């Protein structure tokens, strides 16, 4: 039996600076963890940022000439090109950021980090983007074999607000790299904790 071939969509990182966002960092760390947990699996990573990903014997980074550094370019690539961008076809499509290709018909896993686009559309890059995100995320989640989310609270919202079968929603709390595991020695003064973008 041959080891699986997984396509991983990291196009979210094509926009400069996204590797420092929560969703971008989670996508990178998920790939690192997958490589560590399943050595030998063949991974085809879709990204125009090879500087963020260490290619190797079992990992190929595939770039594109599509302008995927912009939101519109990423959406166009995802809907028009992504499903045919990995040849031979992978055994699974892993979408660590909300949406899988509309034309992909094989097994898939999609990660939904939150439902801001649905619950607070005015805070989500405008109502038109929120409307588009609501439609595409819902469609991706319905097609997916598994839907990962960071908490049971988000999972419950996915089931209720997106109408997704509870049997395929899995709460998988975000992991962190070693740099975040041991706090530095305390220093004099207070601390401020900021969570989220707003």
C-alpha atoms as a PDB file:
ATOM      1  CA  UNK A   1       0.000   0.000   0.000  1.00  0.00           C
ATOM      2  CA  UNK A   2       1.455   3.355  -1.025  1.00  0.00           C
ATOM      3  CA  UNK A   3       1.572   6.297   1.348  1.00  0.00           C
ATOM      4  CA  UNK A   4      -1.011   9.051   0.777  1.00  0.00           C
ATOM      5  CA  UNK A   5      -0.511  12.093  -1.398  1.00  0.00           C
ATOM      6  CA  UNK A   6      -1.953  15.264   0.181  1.00  0.00           C
ATOM      7  CA  UNK A   7      -2.464  18.620  -1.548  1.00  0.00           C
ATOM      8  CA  UNK A   8      -2.173  21.503   0.939  1.00  0.00           C
ATOM      9  CA  UNK A   9      -3.498  24.943  -0.009  1.00  0.00           C
ATOM     10  CA  UNK A  10      -1.278  27.612   1.581  1.00  0.00           C
ATOM     11  CA  UNK A  11      -2.206  30.374  -0.877  1.00  0.00           C
ATOM     12  CA  UNK A  12      -3.405  32.476   2.080  1.00  0.00           C
ATOM     13  CA  UNK A  13       0.312  33.035   2.739  1.00  0.00           C
ATOM     14  CA  UNK A  14       0.900  34.506  -0.727  1.00  0.00           C
ATOM     15  CA  UNK A  15      -0.192  37.879   0.606  1.00  0.00           C
ATOM     16  CA  UNK A  16       2.801  39.503   2.312  1.00  0.00           C
ATOM     17  CA  UNK A  17       2.585  39.450   6.089  1.00  0.00           C
ATOM     18  CA  UNK A  18      -0.107  36.780   6.353  1.00  0.00           C
ATOM     19  CA  UNK A  19       2.392  34.402   7.947  1.00  0.00           C
ATOM     20  CA  UNK A  20       2.175  36.631  11.038  1.00  0.00           C
ATOM     21  CA  UNK A  21      -1.631  36.485  11.243  1.00  0.00           C
ATOM     22  CA  UNK A  22      -3.366  33.881  13.395  1.00  0.00           C
ATOM     23  CA  UNK A  23      -4.844  32.028  10.415  1.00  0.00           C
ATOM     24  CA  UNK A  24      -1.572  32.170   8.464  1.00  0.00           C
ATOM     25  CA  UNK A  25       0.509  31.028  11.428  1.00  0.00           C
ATOM     26  CA  UNK A  26      -1.907  28.166  12.078  1.00  0.00           C
ATOM     27  CA  UNK A  27      -1.662  27.086   8.421  1.00  0.00           C
ATOM     28  CA  UNK A  28       2.157  27.010   8.530  1.00  0.00           C
ATOM     29  CA  UNK A  29       2.269  25.208  11.897  1.00  0.00           C
ATOM     30  CA  UNK A  30      -0.297  22.655  10.681  1.00  0.00           C
ATOM     31  CA  UNK A  31       1.940  21.803   7.736  1.00  0.00           C
ATOM     32  CA  UNK A  32       4.990  21.506  10.010  1.00  0.00           C
ATOM     33  CA  UNK A  33       3.033  19.236  12.396  1.00  0.00           C
ATOM     34  CA  UNK A  34       1.699  17.090   9.542  1.00  0.00           C
ATOM     35  CA  UNK A  35       5.217  16.560   8.211  1.00  0.00           C
ATOM     36  CA  UNK A  36       6.436  15.588  11.662  1.00  0.00           C
ATOM     37  CA  UNK A  37       3.537  13.266  12.405  1.00  0.00           C
ATOM     38  CA  UNK A  38       3.453  11.550   9.015  1.00  0.00           C
ATOM     39  CA  UNK A  39       6.963  11.346   7.589  1.00  0.00           C
ATOM     40  CA  UNK A  40       6.965   9.813   4.161  1.00  0.00           C
ATOM     41  CA  UNK A  41       3.565  11.116   3.140  1.00  0.00           C
ATOM     42  CA  UNK A  42       3.822  12.945  -0.150  1.00  0.00           C
ATOM     43  CA  UNK A  43       2.793  16.597   0.253  1.00  0.00           C
ATOM     44  CA  UNK A  44       2.169  19.039  -2.580  1.00  0.00           C
ATOM     45  CA  UNK A  45       1.964  22.534  -1.119  1.00  0.00           C
ATOM     46  CA  UNK A  46       0.400  25.312  -3.180  1.00  0.00           C
ATOM     47  CA  UNK A  47       2.088  28.609  -2.349  1.00  0.00           C
ATOM     48  CA  UNK A  48       4.117  31.352  -3.980  1.00  0.00           C
ATOM     49  CA  UNK A  49       6.090  31.737  -0.731  1.00  0.00           C
ATOM     50  CA  UNK A  50       8.711  28.969  -0.817  1.00  0.00           C
ATOM     51  CA  UNK A  51      10.713  31.029   1.701  1.00  0.00           C
ATOM     52  CA  UNK A  52       8.174  29.976   4.366  1.00  0.00           C
ATOM     53  CA  UNK A  53       8.206  26.273   3.579  1.00  0.00           C
ATOM     54  CA  UNK A  54      11.179  23.942   3.652  1.00  0.00           C
ATOM     55  CA  UNK A  55      10.821  21.713   0.616  1.00  0.00           C
ATOM     56  CA  UNK A  56      12.252  18.241   0.810  1.00  0.00           C
ATOM     57  CA  UNK A  57      12.102  14.742  -0.588  1.00  0.00           C
ATOM     58  CA  UNK A  58       8.432  14.290   0.332  1.00  0.00           C
ATOM     59  CA  UNK A  59       7.308  17.913  -0.014  1.00  0.00           C
ATOM     60  CA  UNK A  60       6.961  19.847  -3.247  1.00  0.00           C
ATOM     61  CA  UNK A  61       6.069  23.549  -3.304  1.00  0.00           C
ATOM     62  CA  UNK A  62       4.075  24.574  -6.371  1.00  0.00           C
ATOM     63  CA  UNK A  63       3.891  28.204  -7.332  1.00  0.00           C
ATOM     64  CA  UNK A  64       1.675  29.823  -9.908  1.00  0.00           C
ATOM     65  CA  UNK A  65       1.746  32.858 -12.175  1.00  0.00           C
ATOM     66  CA  UNK A  66      -1.756  33.755 -10.988  1.00  0.00           C
ATOM     67  CA  UNK A  67      -1.731  36.927  -8.819  1.00  0.00           C
ATOM     68  CA  UNK A  68      -2.530  35.032  -5.624  1.00  0.00           C
ATOM     69  CA  UNK A  69      -1.065  37.759  -3.409  1.00  0.00           C
ATOM     70  CA  UNK A  70      -4.413  39.539  -3.739  1.00  0.00           C
ATOM     71  CA  UNK A  71      -7.758  38.292  -2.447  1.00  0.00           C
ATOM     72  CA  UNK A  72      -9.301  38.332  -5.910  1.00  0.00           C
ATOM     73  CA  UNK A  73      -6.336  36.419  -7.371  1.00  0.00           C
ATOM     74  CA  UNK A  74      -6.574  33.758  -4.638  1.00  0.00           C
ATOM     75  CA  UNK A  75     -10.310  33.357  -5.162  1.00  0.00           C
ATOM     76  CA  UNK A  76      -9.874  33.079  -8.946  1.00  0.00           C
ATOM     77  CA  UNK A  77      -7.095  30.470  -8.558  1.00  0.00           C
ATOM     78  CA  UNK A  78      -9.126  28.499  -6.032  1.00  0.00           C
ATOM     79  CA  UNK A  79     -12.271  28.366  -8.161  1.00  0.00           C
ATOM     80  CA  UNK A  80     -10.763  28.119 -11.641  1.00  0.00           C
ATOM     81  CA  UNK A  81      -7.429  26.348 -11.327  1.00  0.00           C
ATOM     82  CA  UNK A  82      -6.800  24.687  -7.962  1.00  0.00           C
ATOM     83  CA  UNK A  83      -8.661  21.411  -8.516  1.00  0.00           C
ATOM     84  CA  UNK A  84      -6.449  20.671 -11.543  1.00  0.00           C
ATOM     85  CA  UNK A  85      -3.220  22.112 -10.116  1.00  0.00           C
ATOM     86  CA  UNK A  86      -1.946  18.854  -8.607  1.00  0.00           C
ATOM     87  CA  UNK A  87      -1.142  16.035 -11.006  1.00  0.00           C
ATOM     88  CA  UNK A  88      -1.420  13.194 -10.463  1.00  0.00           C
ATOM     89  CA  UNK A  89      -4.524  13.954  -8.426  1.00  0.00           C
ATOM     90  CA  UNK A  90      -3.896  13.795  -4.672  1.00  0.00           C
ATOM     91  CA  UNK A  91      -5.654  11.410  -2.322  1.00  0.00           C
ATOM     92  CA  UNK A  92      -6.863  14.305  -0.150  1.00  0.00           C
ATOM     93  CA  UNK A  93      -7.185  18.091  -0.386  1.00  0.00           C
ATOM     94  CA  UNK A  94      -6.274  19.853   2.878  1.00  0.00           C
ATOM     95  CA  UNK A  95      -7.639  23.390   3.179  1.00  0.00           C
ATOM     96  CA  UNK A  96      -6.263  24.912   6.405  1.00  0.00           C
ATOM     97  CA  UNK A  97      -8.041  28.202   5.686  1.00  0.00           C
ATOM     98  CA  UNK A  98     -11.812  27.990   5.248  1.00  0.00           C
ATOM     99  CA  UNK A  99     -12.320  27.028   1.582  1.00  0.00           C
ATOM    100  CA  UNK A 100     -11.540  24.094  -0.707  1.00  0.00           C
ATOM    101  CA  UNK A 101     -11.699  24.253  -4.519  1.00  0.00           C
ATOM    102  CA  UNK A 102     -15.256  24.268  -5.858  1.00  0.00           C
ATOM    103  CA  UNK A 103     -14.343  21.761  -8.596  1.00  0.00           C
ATOM    104  CA  UNK A 104     -12.542  19.306  -6.262  1.00  0.00           C
ATOM    105  CA  UNK A 105     -14.546  16.090  -5.954  1.00  0.00           C
ATOM    106  CA  UNK A 106     -12.180  13.919  -3.938  1.00  0.00           C
ATOM    107  CA  UNK A 107     -11.853  13.626  -0.149  1.00  0.00           C
ATOM    108  CA  UNK A 108     -11.142  16.890   1.636  1.00  0.00           C
ATOM    109  CA  UNK A 109     -10.557  18.410   5.046  1.00  0.00           C
ATOM    110  CA  UNK A 110     -11.341  22.078   5.597  1.00  0.00           C
ATOM    111  CA  UNK A 111     -10.518  24.214   8.640  1.00  0.00           C
ATOM    112  CA  UNK A 112     -12.974  26.910   9.708  1.00  0.00           C
ATOM    113  CA  UNK A 113     -11.353  29.195  12.256  1.00  0.00           C
ATOM    114  CA  UNK A 114     -14.357  31.407  13.017  1.00  0.00           C
ATOM    115  CA  UNK A 115     -17.629  32.667  11.535  1.00  0.00           C
ATOM    116  CA  UNK A 116     -16.979  36.423  11.629  1.00  0.00           C
ATOM    117  CA  UNK A 117     -18.082  36.733   7.989  1.00  0.00           C
ATOM    118  CA  UNK A 118     -21.495  35.364   8.977  1.00  0.00           C
ATOM    119  CA  UNK A 119     -21.953  36.714  12.504  1.00  0.00           C
ATOM    120  CA  UNK A 120     -20.427  40.184  12.059  1.00  0.00           C
ATOM    121  CA  UNK A 121     -20.303  40.908   8.312  1.00  0.00           C
ATOM    122  CA  UNK A 122     -19.660  44.615   8.903  1.00  0.00           C
ATOM    123  CA  UNK A 123     -16.288  43.705  10.431  1.00  0.00           C
ATOM    124  CA  UNK A 124     -15.316  41.354   7.619  1.00  0.00           C
ATOM    125  CA  UNK A 125     -13.700  43.406   4.811  1.00  0.00           C
ATOM    126  CA  UNK A 126     -17.120  44.601   3.660  1.00  0.00           C
ATOM    127  CA  UNK A 127     -20.521  43.025   3.160  1.00  0.00           C
ATOM    128  CA  UNK A 128     -19.825  41.756  -0.378  1.00  0.00           C
ATOM    129  CA  UNK A 129     -16.763  39.819   0.839  1.00  0.00           C
ATOM    130  CA  UNK A 130     -18.781  38.548   3.813  1.00  0.00           C
ATOM    131  CA  UNK A 131     -21.557  37.346   1.494  1.00  0.00           C
ATOM    132  CA  UNK A 132     -19.026  35.564  -0.754  1.00  0.00           C
ATOM    133  CA  UNK A 133     -17.263  33.997   2.254  1.00  0.00           C
ATOM    134  CA  UNK A 134     -20.567  32.764   3.684  1.00  0.00           C
ATOM    135  CA  UNK A 135     -21.461  31.005   0.444  1.00  0.00           C
ATOM    136  CA  UNK A 136     -18.048  29.493  -0.301  1.00  0.00           C
ATOM    137  CA  UNK A 137     -17.276  28.399   3.270  1.00  0.00           C
ATOM    138  CA  UNK A 138     -20.702  26.762   3.620  1.00  0.00           C
ATOM    139  CA  UNK A 139     -20.257  24.952   0.276  1.00  0.00           C
ATOM    140  CA  UNK A 140     -16.720  23.800   1.207  1.00  0.00           C
ATOM    141  CA  UNK A 141     -17.886  22.529   4.586  1.00  0.00           C
ATOM    142  CA  UNK A 142     -20.755  20.597   3.015  1.00  0.00           C
ATOM    143  CA  UNK A 143     -18.413  18.932   0.487  1.00  0.00           C
ATOM    144  CA  UNK A 144     -15.709  18.175   3.071  1.00  0.00           C
ATOM    145  CA  UNK A 145     -15.251  14.798   4.699  1.00  0.00           C
ATOM    146  CA  UNK A 146     -14.055  16.527   7.889  1.00  0.00           C
ATOM    147  CA  UNK A 147     -14.409  20.103   9.130  1.00  0.00           C
ATOM    148  CA  UNK A 148     -11.802  21.136  11.693  1.00  0.00           C
ATOM    149  CA  UNK A 149     -12.354  24.053  14.054  1.00  0.00           C
ATOM    150  CA  UNK A 150     -10.439  25.428  17.052  1.00  0.00           C
ATOM    151  CA  UNK A 151     -13.079  24.859  19.748  1.00  0.00           C
ATOM    152  CA  UNK A 152     -16.366  23.154  20.543  1.00  0.00           C
ATOM    153  CA  UNK A 153     -18.042  26.589  20.619  1.00  0.00           C
ATOM    154  CA  UNK A 154     -17.025  27.277  17.003  1.00  0.00           C
ATOM    155  CA  UNK A 155     -17.998  23.707  16.106  1.00  0.00           C
ATOM    156  CA  UNK A 156     -21.494  24.210  17.516  1.00  0.00           C
ATOM    157  CA  UNK A 157     -21.887  27.413  15.473  1.00  0.00           C
ATOM    158  CA  UNK A 158     -20.709  25.610  12.309  1.00  0.00           C
ATOM    159  CA  UNK A 159     -23.312  22.886  12.865  1.00  0.00           C
ATOM    160  CA  UNK A 160     -26.109  25.327  13.653  1.00  0.00           C
ATOM    161  CA  UNK A 161     -25.362  28.351  11.436  1.00  0.00           C
ATOM    162  CA  UNK A 162     -23.895  26.582   8.389  1.00  0.00           C
ATOM    163  CA  UNK A 163     -26.102  23.494   8.604  1.00  0.00           C
ATOM    164  CA  UNK A 164     -23.190  21.053   8.649  1.00  0.00           C
ATOM    165  CA  UNK A 165     -23.602  17.450   9.816  1.00  0.00           C
ATOM    166  CA  UNK A 166     -22.300  17.192  13.401  1.00  0.00           C
ATOM    167  CA  UNK A 167     -20.616  13.865  12.609  1.00  0.00           C
ATOM    168  CA  UNK A 168     -17.980  15.491  10.453  1.00  0.00           C
ATOM    169  CA  UNK A 169     -17.150  18.526  12.641  1.00  0.00           C
ATOM    170  CA  UNK A 170     -14.064  18.006  14.829  1.00  0.00           C
ATOM    171  CA  UNK A 171     -12.759  20.461  17.424  1.00  0.00           C
ATOM    172  CA  UNK A 172      -8.968  20.393  17.044  1.00  0.00           C
ATOM    173  CA  UNK A 173      -7.472  23.165  19.219  1.00  0.00           C
ATOM    174  CA  UNK A 174      -4.692  25.115  17.602  1.00  0.00           C
ATOM    175  CA  UNK A 175      -1.205  23.959  18.448  1.00  0.00           C
ATOM    176  CA  UNK A 176       1.753  26.287  18.793  1.00  0.00           C
ATOM    177  CA  UNK A 177       5.430  26.079  17.979  1.00  0.00           C
ATOM    178  CA  UNK A 178       8.071  25.643  20.642  1.00  0.00           C
ATOM    179  CA  UNK A 179       8.794  29.388  20.750  1.00  0.00           C
ATOM    180  CA  UNK A 180       5.434  29.895  22.480  1.00  0.00           C
ATOM    181  CA  UNK A 181       5.621  27.045  24.981  1.00  0.00           C
ATOM    182  CA  UNK A 182       7.973  28.463  27.614  1.00  0.00           C
ATOM    183  CA  UNK A 183       7.458  32.064  28.683  1.00  0.00           C
ATOM    184  CA  UNK A 184      10.501  34.265  29.126  1.00  0.00           C
ATOM    185  CA  UNK A 185      11.620  35.096  32.651  1.00  0.00           C
ATOM    186  CA  UNK A 186       9.266  37.623  34.218  1.00  0.00           C
ATOM    187  CA  UNK A 187      10.378  41.222  34.251  1.00  0.00           C
ATOM    188  CA  UNK A 188       9.233  44.190  36.268  1.00  0.00           C
ATOM    189  CA  UNK A 189       6.089  45.891  35.068  1.00  0.00           C
ATOM    190  CA  UNK A 190       2.674  44.895  33.853  1.00  0.00           C
ATOM    191  CA  UNK A 191       1.612  42.824  30.907  1.00  0.00           C
ATOM    192  CA  UNK A 192      -0.965  43.435  28.214  1.00  0.00           C
ATOM    193  CA  UNK A 193      -2.568  40.532  26.351  1.00  0.00           C
ATOM    194  CA  UNK A 194      -4.149  41.322  22.993  1.00  0.00           C
ATOM    195  CA  UNK A 195      -6.294  38.653  21.335  1.00  0.00           C
ATOM    196  CA  UNK A 196      -7.699  39.086  17.830  1.00  0.00           C
ATOM    197  CA  UNK A 197      -7.511  41.841  15.258  1.00  0.00           C
ATOM    198  CA  UNK A 198     -10.067  44.275  16.646  1.00  0.00           C
END
